[in-house]
Amino acid sequence: MVLPEELLEPVKKRLQMYVLRSDVTITDSSGNLCLIGLCHPATQAAPLFATTQQEVITVNLSATQSRCLVIAETDIAMPVV
């Protein structure tokens, strides 16, 4: 889940109420992951879906423009920048 930092604790606390006896752990990965917004105006837009490739998640944000959000661990994301 991607959300503003000020909402992290309230949302985490609220979601924890619904875990009950499930084997689910809600953690903050903001220190381990890097979010990069990319725009490639010269290329054609891809369909709206998320793809995973070599520990990098790419979420296409628009069906008409080539805008995407890249989610990766910081050491893997550094070459993308």
Protein backbone atom coordinates (compact mmCIF):
# COMPACT_ATOMS: atom_id res chain seq x y z
CA MET A 1 0.00 0.00 0.00
CA VAL A 2 1.34 3.42 -0.91
CA LEU A 3 0.10 6.29 1.23
CA PRO A 4 1.34 9.53 2.80
CA GLU A 5 3.67 9.11 5.77
CA GLU A 6 1.31 10.91 8.16
CA LEU A 7 -1.37 8.25 7.47
CA LEU A 8 0.97 5.30 8.00
CA GLU A 9 0.42 4.68 11.72
CA PRO A 10 -3.36 5.30 11.81
CA VAL A 11 -3.96 3.03 8.80
CA LYS A 12 -1.59 0.37 10.13
CA LYS A 13 -3.36 0.41 13.51
CA ARG A 14 -6.79 0.21 11.87
CA LEU A 15 -5.80 -2.69 9.58
CA GLN A 16 -4.26 -4.55 12.51
CA MET A 17 -7.73 -4.72 14.07
CA TYR A 18 -8.90 -6.94 11.18
CA VAL A 19 -5.99 -9.40 11.24
CA LEU A 20 -7.42 -11.38 14.21
CA ARG A 21 -5.92 -14.88 14.17
CA SER A 22 -4.69 -14.82 10.58
CA ASP A 23 -1.05 -15.37 9.78
CA VAL A 24 -0.65 -11.80 8.48
CA THR A 25 1.97 -9.23 9.38
CA ILE A 26 1.53 -5.53 8.62
CA THR A 27 4.89 -3.81 8.35
CA ASP A 28 6.33 -0.46 7.31
CA SER A 29 8.70 -0.99 4.37
CA SER A 30 9.28 2.69 3.62
CA GLY A 31 12.90 2.43 4.77
CA ASN A 32 13.58 -0.47 2.38
CA LEU A 33 11.68 0.53 -0.74
CA CYS A 34 12.07 3.36 -3.21
CA LEU A 35 9.23 4.86 -5.27
CA ILE A 36 10.11 6.42 -8.60
CA GLY A 37 7.61 8.16 -10.88
CA LEU A 38 8.47 7.99 -14.58
CA CYS A 39 6.98 9.66 -17.63
CA HIS A 40 7.96 8.73 -21.18
CA PRO A 41 5.99 11.09 -23.43
CA ALA A 42 7.57 9.80 -26.65
CA THR A 43 6.43 6.20 -26.16
CA GLN A 44 3.01 4.64 -26.41
CA ALA A 45 1.20 3.92 -23.15
CA ALA A 46 1.00 0.36 -21.87
CA PRO A 47 -2.18 -1.22 -20.47
CA LEU A 48 -3.04 -0.50 -16.84
CA PHE A 49 -1.56 -3.31 -14.74
CA ALA A 50 1.37 -4.07 -12.51
CA THR A 51 4.34 -6.12 -13.68
CA THR A 52 7.10 -7.66 -11.62
CA GLN A 53 10.53 -8.11 -13.12
CA GLN A 54 13.82 -8.76 -11.31
CA GLU A 55 12.49 -7.55 -7.93
CA VAL A 56 11.08 -4.36 -9.48
CA ILE A 57 7.33 -3.65 -9.57
CA THR A 58 6.08 -1.33 -12.29
CA VAL A 59 2.54 0.06 -12.10
CA ASN A 60 1.24 1.84 -15.20
CA LEU A 61 -0.76 4.88 -14.08
CA SER A 62 -2.45 5.93 -17.29
CA ALA A 63 -3.96 4.22 -20.30
CA THR A 64 -3.39 7.26 -22.53
CA GLN A 65 0.03 8.52 -21.36
CA SER A 66 3.17 6.58 -20.60
CA ARG A 67 3.30 7.27 -16.84
CA CYS A 68 4.35 4.63 -14.33
CA LEU A 69 5.35 4.10 -10.72
CA VAL A 70 8.42 1.94 -10.09
CA ILE A 71 8.72 0.23 -6.70
CA ALA A 72 12.03 -1.43 -5.83
CA GLU A 73 14.52 -1.90 -3.04
CA THR A 74 16.83 1.13 -2.84
CA ASP A 75 19.98 -0.66 -4.03
CA ILE A 76 18.14 -2.06 -7.06
CA ALA A 77 16.43 1.29 -7.81
CA MET A 78 19.66 3.30 -7.90
CA PRO A 79 20.57 2.24 -11.49
CA VAL A 80 17.07 3.21 -12.68
CA VAL A 81 17.60 6.81 -11.57
